[in-house]
């Protein structure tokens, strides 16, 4: 098994508390409303915290039907979120799992910096295709920007 890890940062003019609550804690409610063309629904088994299982269902006719991930850590005080993709169309045959470590930090201008580390656990000597990883990152960034835009337009939401 090989592990390939990527880290990326994104900035937001919003404070960590608001963007974390909207994009992580309440994502199962907010994301399908903001991006119905990309996410049909998100089902939660458990209370949403560590140990919960979330199933993301995609609209009919797309490349994927659903993915399932396990919440490993959710800390609303440190704005950290860790989860593992465990099942679904996003895991190809030669990919055992994908883990994500997300942290929001306060930036000097009052906004936030999100740091996301993703680790891809491959089976055997399977090599990941960079364009597939890039496409996945772009979808996640689009969701982040949709939540950010919603919060900027609705200053009372998730305060």
N, C-alpha and C. Protein backbone atom coordinates (compact mmCIF):
# COMPACT_ATOMS: atom_id res chain seq x y z
N UNK A 1 0.85 -1.18 0.00
CA UNK A 1 0.00 0.00 0.00
C UNK A 1 0.89 1.24 0.00
N UNK A 2 0.53 2.19 -0.84
CA UNK A 2 1.23 3.47 -0.89
C UNK A 2 0.26 4.57 -0.46
N UNK A 3 0.82 5.63 0.11
CA UNK A 3 0.00 6.76 0.53
C UNK A 3 0.51 8.00 -0.19
N UNK A 4 -0.40 8.69 -0.87
CA UNK A 4 -0.08 9.94 -1.54
C UNK A 4 -0.86 11.04 -0.83
N UNK A 5 -0.14 12.08 -0.39
CA UNK A 5 -0.77 13.14 0.40
C UNK A 5 -0.64 14.48 -0.30
N UNK A 6 -1.72 15.24 -0.25
CA UNK A 6 -1.76 16.59 -0.80
C UNK A 6 -2.27 17.54 0.28
N UNK A 7 -1.73 18.76 0.31
CA UNK A 7 -2.23 19.77 1.22
C UNK A 7 -2.50 21.04 0.42
N UNK A 8 -3.63 21.65 0.70
CA UNK A 8 -3.91 22.92 0.04
C UNK A 8 -4.57 23.88 1.02
N UNK A 9 -4.43 25.16 0.73
CA UNK A 9 -5.00 26.20 1.57
C UNK A 9 -5.92 27.09 0.74
N UNK A 10 -6.99 27.54 1.39
CA UNK A 10 -7.90 28.50 0.78
C UNK A 10 -8.18 29.58 1.81
N UNK A 11 -8.35 30.79 1.33
CA UNK A 11 -8.66 31.89 2.24
C UNK A 11 -10.11 32.31 2.06
N UNK A 12 -10.64 32.91 3.11
CA UNK A 12 -12.01 33.42 3.08
C UNK A 12 -12.06 34.69 3.92
N UNK A 13 -12.90 35.64 3.52
CA UNK A 13 -13.05 36.85 4.33
C UNK A 13 -13.89 36.59 5.59
N UNK A 14 -14.48 35.39 5.69
CA UNK A 14 -15.35 35.05 6.81
C UNK A 14 -14.55 34.48 7.97
N UNK A 15 -14.98 34.74 9.21
CA UNK A 15 -14.28 34.16 10.36
C UNK A 15 -14.46 32.64 10.41
N UNK A 16 -13.50 31.94 11.01
CA UNK A 16 -13.56 30.48 11.04
C UNK A 16 -14.87 29.91 11.60
N UNK A 17 -15.41 30.52 12.63
CA UNK A 17 -16.62 29.99 13.26
C UNK A 17 -17.78 29.88 12.26
N UNK A 18 -18.02 30.93 11.49
CA UNK A 18 -19.14 30.93 10.54
C UNK A 18 -18.94 29.95 9.41
N UNK A 19 -17.77 29.96 8.80
CA UNK A 19 -17.54 29.09 7.65
C UNK A 19 -17.51 27.62 8.09
N UNK A 20 -17.00 27.35 9.29
CA UNK A 20 -16.96 25.98 9.81
C UNK A 20 -18.38 25.48 10.09
N UNK A 21 -19.18 26.30 10.75
CA UNK A 21 -20.56 25.88 11.06
C UNK A 21 -21.35 25.59 9.79
N UNK A 22 -21.20 26.45 8.80
CA UNK A 22 -21.98 26.29 7.56
C UNK A 22 -21.45 25.18 6.67
N UNK A 23 -20.13 25.15 6.45
CA UNK A 23 -19.57 24.21 5.48
C UNK A 23 -19.30 22.82 6.05
N UNK A 24 -19.22 22.71 7.36
CA UNK A 24 -18.92 21.41 7.98
C UNK A 24 -20.09 20.93 8.84
N UNK A 25 -20.40 21.66 9.90
CA UNK A 25 -21.39 21.19 10.88
C UNK A 25 -22.78 21.04 10.25
N UNK A 26 -23.19 21.99 9.43
CA UNK A 26 -24.53 21.94 8.84
C UNK A 26 -24.50 21.66 7.33
N UNK A 27 -23.41 21.11 6.86
CA UNK A 27 -23.26 20.87 5.42
C UNK A 27 -24.36 19.98 4.85
N UNK A 28 -24.81 19.02 5.64
CA UNK A 28 -25.83 18.09 5.15
C UNK A 28 -27.15 18.79 4.83
N UNK A 29 -27.41 19.91 5.47
CA UNK A 29 -28.62 20.69 5.17
C UNK A 29 -28.35 21.77 4.12
N UNK A 30 -27.23 22.45 4.24
CA UNK A 30 -26.97 23.62 3.41
C UNK A 30 -26.50 23.29 1.98
N UNK A 31 -25.57 22.38 1.83
CA UNK A 31 -24.98 22.11 0.51
C UNK A 31 -26.02 21.66 -0.52
N UNK A 32 -26.92 20.70 -0.19
CA UNK A 32 -27.91 20.31 -1.20
C UNK A 32 -28.82 21.48 -1.63
N UNK A 33 -29.07 22.43 -0.73
CA UNK A 33 -29.88 23.61 -1.08
C UNK A 33 -29.12 24.56 -1.99
N UNK A 34 -27.83 24.74 -1.71
CA UNK A 34 -27.02 25.68 -2.49
C UNK A 34 -26.58 25.10 -3.84
N UNK A 35 -26.40 23.78 -3.89
CA UNK A 35 -25.85 23.15 -5.10
C UNK A 35 -26.64 21.90 -5.48
N UNK A 36 -27.94 22.03 -5.74
CA UNK A 36 -28.74 20.85 -6.07
C UNK A 36 -28.29 20.16 -7.36
N UNK A 37 -27.62 20.89 -8.23
CA UNK A 37 -27.11 20.31 -9.47
C UNK A 37 -25.93 19.38 -9.20
N UNK A 38 -25.27 19.52 -8.05
CA UNK A 38 -24.10 18.71 -7.72
C UNK A 38 -24.37 17.68 -6.62
N UNK A 39 -25.22 18.04 -5.65
CA UNK A 39 -25.51 17.18 -4.51
C UNK A 39 -27.02 17.05 -4.36
N UNK A 40 -27.52 15.84 -4.52
CA UNK A 40 -28.96 15.60 -4.39
C UNK A 40 -29.39 15.64 -2.92
N UNK A 41 -28.64 14.93 -2.07
CA UNK A 41 -28.94 14.91 -0.64
C UNK A 41 -27.74 14.37 0.12
N UNK A 42 -27.73 14.64 1.43
CA UNK A 42 -26.71 14.08 2.32
C UNK A 42 -27.45 13.48 3.50
N UNK A 43 -27.30 12.18 3.68
CA UNK A 43 -27.95 11.48 4.79
C UNK A 43 -26.93 11.28 5.90
N UNK A 44 -27.38 11.46 7.15
CA UNK A 44 -26.49 11.32 8.30
C UNK A 44 -27.00 10.20 9.20
N UNK A 45 -26.13 9.26 9.49
CA UNK A 45 -26.41 8.22 10.48
C UNK A 45 -25.59 8.57 11.71
N UNK A 46 -26.26 8.89 12.80
CA UNK A 46 -25.58 9.34 14.01
C UNK A 46 -25.89 10.80 14.25
N UNK A 47 -25.14 11.41 15.18
CA UNK A 47 -25.41 12.81 15.55
C UNK A 47 -24.60 13.81 14.74
N UNK A 48 -23.84 13.34 13.76
CA UNK A 48 -23.02 14.22 12.93
C UNK A 48 -21.59 14.32 13.41
N UNK A 49 -21.34 13.92 14.67
CA UNK A 49 -20.00 13.97 15.24
C UNK A 49 -19.21 12.71 14.93
N UNK A 50 -18.12 12.53 15.66
CA UNK A 50 -17.23 11.38 15.45
C UNK A 50 -18.03 10.08 15.50
N UNK A 51 -17.75 9.20 14.55
CA UNK A 51 -18.44 7.92 14.46
C UNK A 51 -19.65 7.94 13.56
N UNK A 52 -20.13 9.11 13.20
CA UNK A 52 -21.28 9.22 12.30
C UNK A 52 -20.87 8.81 10.89
N UNK A 53 -21.85 8.33 10.14
CA UNK A 53 -21.64 7.99 8.74
C UNK A 53 -22.51 8.93 7.91
N UNK A 54 -21.88 9.55 6.90
CA UNK A 54 -22.62 10.44 6.00
C UNK A 54 -22.58 9.85 4.59
N UNK A 55 -23.75 9.83 3.96
CA UNK A 55 -23.86 9.37 2.59
C UNK A 55 -24.25 10.55 1.72
N UNK A 56 -23.42 10.84 0.74
CA UNK A 56 -23.70 11.92 -0.20
C UNK A 56 -24.28 11.28 -1.46
N UNK A 57 -25.50 11.68 -1.80
CA UNK A 57 -26.18 11.18 -2.99
C UNK A 57 -26.10 12.24 -4.08
N UNK A 58 -25.69 11.81 -5.26
CA UNK A 58 -25.53 12.72 -6.38
C UNK A 58 -26.75 12.65 -7.30
N UNK A 59 -27.01 13.71 -8.07
CA UNK A 59 -28.15 13.71 -8.99
C UNK A 59 -28.04 12.59 -10.02
N UNK A 60 -29.19 12.13 -10.47
CA UNK A 60 -29.23 11.09 -11.50
C UNK A 60 -28.54 11.57 -12.77
N UNK A 61 -27.90 10.63 -13.47
CA UNK A 61 -27.27 10.95 -14.74
C UNK A 61 -25.82 11.38 -14.65
N UNK A 62 -25.28 11.48 -13.43
CA UNK A 62 -23.89 11.89 -13.28
C UNK A 62 -22.94 10.70 -13.27
N UNK A 63 -21.66 10.98 -13.06
CA UNK A 63 -20.65 9.92 -13.03
C UNK A 63 -20.76 9.04 -11.78
N UNK A 64 -21.20 9.63 -10.66
CA UNK A 64 -21.29 8.92 -9.40
C UNK A 64 -22.72 8.87 -8.91
N UNK A 65 -23.06 7.79 -8.21
CA UNK A 65 -24.38 7.69 -7.58
C UNK A 65 -24.30 8.18 -6.14
N UNK A 66 -23.28 7.69 -5.39
CA UNK A 66 -23.14 8.10 -3.99
C UNK A 66 -21.75 7.77 -3.48
N UNK A 67 -21.40 8.43 -2.38
CA UNK A 67 -20.20 8.10 -1.63
C UNK A 67 -20.57 8.10 -0.16
N UNK A 68 -19.81 7.36 0.61
CA UNK A 68 -20.08 7.26 2.04
C UNK A 68 -18.78 7.52 2.78
N UNK A 69 -18.89 8.36 3.83
CA UNK A 69 -17.70 8.59 4.64
C UNK A 69 -18.03 8.58 6.11
N UNK A 70 -16.97 8.31 6.89
CA UNK A 70 -17.07 8.24 8.34
C UNK A 70 -16.44 9.50 8.94
N UNK A 71 -17.14 10.12 9.87
CA UNK A 71 -16.59 11.27 10.59
C UNK A 71 -15.66 10.73 11.67
N UNK A 72 -14.39 11.12 11.61
CA UNK A 72 -13.41 10.66 12.59
C UNK A 72 -13.24 11.66 13.73
N UNK A 73 -13.40 12.93 13.42
CA UNK A 73 -13.29 13.98 14.45
C UNK A 73 -14.06 15.20 13.99
N UNK A 74 -14.77 15.82 14.91
CA UNK A 74 -15.46 17.08 14.66
C UNK A 74 -15.30 17.92 15.91
N UNK A 75 -14.49 18.98 15.84
CA UNK A 75 -14.23 19.81 17.01
C UNK A 75 -14.60 21.26 16.69
N UNK A 76 -15.71 21.72 17.26
CA UNK A 76 -16.21 23.06 16.98
C UNK A 76 -15.44 24.14 17.72
N UNK A 77 -14.57 23.76 18.65
CA UNK A 77 -13.75 24.75 19.36
C UNK A 77 -12.45 25.04 18.62
N UNK A 78 -11.87 24.00 18.02
CA UNK A 78 -10.61 24.19 17.29
C UNK A 78 -10.83 24.26 15.78
N UNK A 79 -12.10 24.13 15.36
CA UNK A 79 -12.47 24.18 13.94
C UNK A 79 -11.70 23.13 13.13
N UNK A 80 -11.66 21.92 13.66
CA UNK A 80 -11.01 20.82 12.96
C UNK A 80 -12.03 19.74 12.64
N UNK A 81 -11.81 19.10 11.50
CA UNK A 81 -12.72 18.07 11.00
C UNK A 81 -11.91 17.03 10.27
N UNK A 82 -12.05 15.78 10.68
CA UNK A 82 -11.35 14.69 10.02
C UNK A 82 -12.38 13.65 9.61
N UNK A 83 -12.24 13.16 8.38
CA UNK A 83 -13.17 12.14 7.92
C UNK A 83 -12.49 11.24 6.90
N UNK A 84 -13.10 10.05 6.71
CA UNK A 84 -12.53 9.05 5.82
C UNK A 84 -13.58 8.58 4.83
N UNK A 85 -13.26 8.67 3.56
CA UNK A 85 -14.12 8.13 2.51
C UNK A 85 -13.97 6.61 2.55
N UNK A 86 -15.07 5.91 2.83
CA UNK A 86 -14.99 4.48 3.06
C UNK A 86 -15.71 3.62 2.02
N UNK A 87 -16.59 4.24 1.23
CA UNK A 87 -17.38 3.44 0.31
C UNK A 87 -17.96 4.33 -0.78
N UNK A 88 -18.23 3.73 -1.92
CA UNK A 88 -18.94 4.46 -2.97
C UNK A 88 -18.15 4.60 -4.25
N UNK A 89 -18.76 5.31 -5.17
CA UNK A 89 -18.22 5.46 -6.51
C UNK A 89 -16.89 6.21 -6.55
N UNK A 90 -16.61 6.99 -5.51
CA UNK A 90 -15.36 7.75 -5.47
C UNK A 90 -14.14 6.89 -5.18
N UNK A 91 -14.36 5.65 -4.74
CA UNK A 91 -13.26 4.74 -4.47
C UNK A 91 -13.14 3.76 -5.64
N UNK A 92 -12.11 3.92 -6.41
CA UNK A 92 -11.88 2.99 -7.51
C UNK A 92 -11.28 1.70 -6.93
N UNK A 93 -11.23 0.65 -7.75
CA UNK A 93 -10.77 -0.65 -7.29
C UNK A 93 -9.42 -0.64 -6.59
N UNK A 94 -8.53 0.19 -7.04
CA UNK A 94 -7.17 0.20 -6.48
C UNK A 94 -6.95 1.27 -5.43
N UNK A 95 -8.04 1.77 -4.87
CA UNK A 95 -7.97 2.79 -3.84
C UNK A 95 -8.68 2.26 -2.60
N UNK A 96 -7.92 2.05 -1.52
CA UNK A 96 -8.48 1.49 -0.30
C UNK A 96 -9.37 2.50 0.43
N UNK A 97 -8.84 3.71 0.59
CA UNK A 97 -9.59 4.76 1.29
C UNK A 97 -8.92 6.10 1.02
N UNK A 98 -9.65 7.16 1.37
CA UNK A 98 -9.11 8.52 1.30
C UNK A 98 -9.43 9.17 2.64
N UNK A 99 -8.44 9.77 3.27
CA UNK A 99 -8.68 10.49 4.52
C UNK A 99 -8.50 11.98 4.29
N UNK A 100 -9.26 12.75 5.04
CA UNK A 100 -9.21 14.21 4.93
C UNK A 100 -9.06 14.81 6.32
N UNK A 101 -8.20 15.81 6.42
CA UNK A 101 -7.97 16.53 7.66
C UNK A 101 -8.17 18.00 7.33
N UNK A 102 -9.22 18.60 7.90
CA UNK A 102 -9.59 19.98 7.58
C UNK A 102 -9.43 20.84 8.83
N UNK A 103 -8.80 21.99 8.69
CA UNK A 103 -8.65 22.91 9.82
C UNK A 103 -8.85 24.34 9.33
N UNK A 104 -9.67 25.07 10.07
CA UNK A 104 -9.89 26.49 9.79
C UNK A 104 -9.16 27.30 10.86
N UNK A 105 -8.39 28.29 10.43
CA UNK A 105 -7.66 29.16 11.35
C UNK A 105 -8.00 30.60 11.07
N UNK A 106 -7.93 31.42 12.10
CA UNK A 106 -8.16 32.86 11.98
C UNK A 106 -7.02 33.46 11.18
N UNK A 107 -7.34 34.33 10.22
CA UNK A 107 -6.29 35.05 9.49
C UNK A 107 -6.14 36.45 10.08
N UNK A 108 -5.05 37.11 9.75
CA UNK A 108 -4.75 38.43 10.32
C UNK A 108 -5.80 39.47 9.98
N UNK A 109 -6.50 39.31 8.86
CA UNK A 109 -7.50 40.29 8.43
C UNK A 109 -8.90 40.01 8.98
N UNK A 110 -9.02 39.04 9.90
CA UNK A 110 -10.32 38.72 10.49
C UNK A 110 -11.07 37.63 9.75
N UNK A 111 -10.53 37.20 8.64
CA UNK A 111 -11.13 36.11 7.88
C UNK A 111 -10.57 34.78 8.35
N UNK A 112 -10.47 33.84 7.43
CA UNK A 112 -9.96 32.53 7.81
C UNK A 112 -9.13 31.91 6.70
N UNK A 113 -8.33 30.95 7.11
CA UNK A 113 -7.54 30.14 6.20
C UNK A 113 -7.97 28.70 6.46
N UNK A 114 -8.37 28.01 5.41
CA UNK A 114 -8.69 26.59 5.57
C UNK A 114 -7.55 25.78 5.00
N UNK A 115 -7.12 24.80 5.77
CA UNK A 115 -6.06 23.90 5.35
C UNK A 115 -6.66 22.51 5.24
N UNK A 116 -6.53 21.91 4.07
CA UNK A 116 -7.07 20.58 3.84
C UNK A 116 -5.94 19.66 3.40
N UNK A 117 -5.77 18.58 4.16
CA UNK A 117 -4.79 17.55 3.80
C UNK A 117 -5.56 16.30 3.44
N UNK A 118 -5.35 15.82 2.23
CA UNK A 118 -6.01 14.59 1.79
C UNK A 118 -4.94 13.54 1.53
N UNK A 119 -5.22 12.32 2.03
CA UNK A 119 -4.29 11.21 1.87
C UNK A 119 -5.00 10.07 1.14
N UNK A 120 -4.41 9.63 0.05
CA UNK A 120 -4.97 8.58 -0.78
C UNK A 120 -4.19 7.28 -0.53
N UNK A 121 -4.89 6.26 -0.06
CA UNK A 121 -4.27 4.98 0.26
C UNK A 121 -4.54 4.02 -0.90
N UNK A 122 -3.50 3.73 -1.68
CA UNK A 122 -3.66 2.89 -2.86
C UNK A 122 -3.30 1.44 -2.55
N UNK A 123 -3.85 0.54 -3.36
CA UNK A 123 -3.58 -0.89 -3.23
C UNK A 123 -2.45 -1.25 -4.20
N UNK A 124 -1.47 -1.99 -3.71
CA UNK A 124 -0.36 -2.40 -4.56
C UNK A 124 0.44 -1.22 -5.06
N UNK A 125 0.85 -1.27 -6.32
CA UNK A 125 1.65 -0.17 -6.89
C UNK A 125 0.81 0.73 -7.81
N UNK A 126 -0.48 0.76 -7.53
CA UNK A 126 -1.40 1.61 -8.30
C UNK A 126 -0.99 3.08 -8.18
N UNK A 127 -1.00 3.78 -9.29
CA UNK A 127 -0.66 5.21 -9.30
C UNK A 127 -1.91 6.03 -9.58
N UNK A 128 -2.10 7.06 -8.79
CA UNK A 128 -3.24 7.96 -8.97
C UNK A 128 -3.02 8.84 -10.20
N UNK A 129 -4.11 9.18 -10.87
CA UNK A 129 -4.05 10.10 -11.99
C UNK A 129 -4.27 11.51 -11.46
N UNK A 130 -3.32 12.37 -11.74
CA UNK A 130 -3.36 13.73 -11.22
C UNK A 130 -4.62 14.48 -11.66
N UNK A 131 -5.09 14.24 -12.89
CA UNK A 131 -6.28 14.95 -13.37
C UNK A 131 -7.53 14.55 -12.59
N UNK A 132 -7.61 13.31 -12.11
CA UNK A 132 -8.75 12.87 -11.31
C UNK A 132 -8.75 13.56 -9.94
N UNK A 133 -7.57 13.66 -9.35
CA UNK A 133 -7.44 14.32 -8.05
C UNK A 133 -7.77 15.81 -8.20
N UNK A 134 -7.27 16.42 -9.26
CA UNK A 134 -7.51 17.84 -9.52
C UNK A 134 -9.01 18.09 -9.70
N UNK A 135 -9.71 17.22 -10.41
CA UNK A 135 -11.15 17.38 -10.63
C UNK A 135 -11.91 17.31 -9.31
N UNK A 136 -11.51 16.40 -8.43
CA UNK A 136 -12.15 16.29 -7.12
C UNK A 136 -11.92 17.52 -6.27
N UNK A 137 -10.70 18.04 -6.30
CA UNK A 137 -10.37 19.25 -5.54
C UNK A 137 -11.19 20.44 -6.04
N UNK A 138 -11.37 20.53 -7.34
CA UNK A 138 -12.14 21.64 -7.92
C UNK A 138 -13.60 21.59 -7.47
N UNK A 139 -14.16 20.40 -7.35
CA UNK A 139 -15.55 20.26 -6.88
C UNK A 139 -15.68 20.69 -5.43
N UNK A 140 -14.71 20.30 -4.61
CA UNK A 140 -14.74 20.69 -3.19
C UNK A 140 -14.59 22.20 -3.07
N UNK A 141 -13.69 22.79 -3.84
CA UNK A 141 -13.51 24.24 -3.81
C UNK A 141 -14.78 24.96 -4.25
N UNK A 142 -15.47 24.43 -5.25
CA UNK A 142 -16.73 25.04 -5.72
C UNK A 142 -17.78 25.03 -4.60
N UNK A 143 -17.84 23.94 -3.83
CA UNK A 143 -18.78 23.89 -2.70
C UNK A 143 -18.40 24.91 -1.64
N UNK A 144 -17.11 25.00 -1.34
CA UNK A 144 -16.63 25.97 -0.35
C UNK A 144 -16.99 27.39 -0.77
N UNK A 145 -16.78 27.70 -2.04
CA UNK A 145 -17.07 29.05 -2.55
C UNK A 145 -18.58 29.32 -2.57
N UNK A 146 -19.40 28.30 -2.81
CA UNK A 146 -20.86 28.47 -2.77
C UNK A 146 -21.32 28.79 -1.36
N UNK A 147 -20.76 28.11 -0.38
CA UNK A 147 -21.10 28.38 1.03
C UNK A 147 -20.62 29.78 1.40
N UNK A 148 -19.43 30.13 1.00
CA UNK A 148 -18.88 31.46 1.29
C UNK A 148 -19.78 32.55 0.70
N UNK A 149 -20.18 32.39 -0.54
CA UNK A 149 -21.05 33.38 -1.20
C UNK A 149 -22.38 33.50 -0.46
N UNK A 150 -22.95 32.37 -0.06
CA UNK A 150 -24.21 32.38 0.70
C UNK A 150 -24.04 33.15 2.01
N UNK A 151 -22.96 32.90 2.72
CA UNK A 151 -22.74 33.57 4.00
C UNK A 151 -22.50 35.07 3.83
N UNK A 152 -21.81 35.45 2.76
CA UNK A 152 -21.58 36.87 2.50
C UNK A 152 -22.90 37.58 2.17
N UNK A 153 -23.81 36.88 1.49
CA UNK A 153 -25.11 37.46 1.14
C UNK A 153 -26.09 37.42 2.31
N UNK A 154 -25.83 36.58 3.30
CA UNK A 154 -26.71 36.41 4.45
C UNK A 154 -25.90 36.58 5.74
N UNK A 155 -25.59 37.84 6.10
CA UNK A 155 -24.68 38.09 7.23
C UNK A 155 -25.18 37.58 8.59
N UNK A 156 -26.48 37.29 8.71
CA UNK A 156 -27.01 36.80 9.98
C UNK A 156 -26.97 35.27 10.08
N UNK A 157 -26.71 34.60 8.97
CA UNK A 157 -26.69 33.14 8.96
C UNK A 157 -25.42 32.59 9.62
N UNK A 158 -25.59 31.59 10.44
CA UNK A 158 -24.50 30.86 11.08
C UNK A 158 -23.57 31.77 11.89
N UNK A 159 -24.16 32.66 12.66
CA UNK A 159 -23.34 33.56 13.49
C UNK A 159 -23.09 32.95 14.85
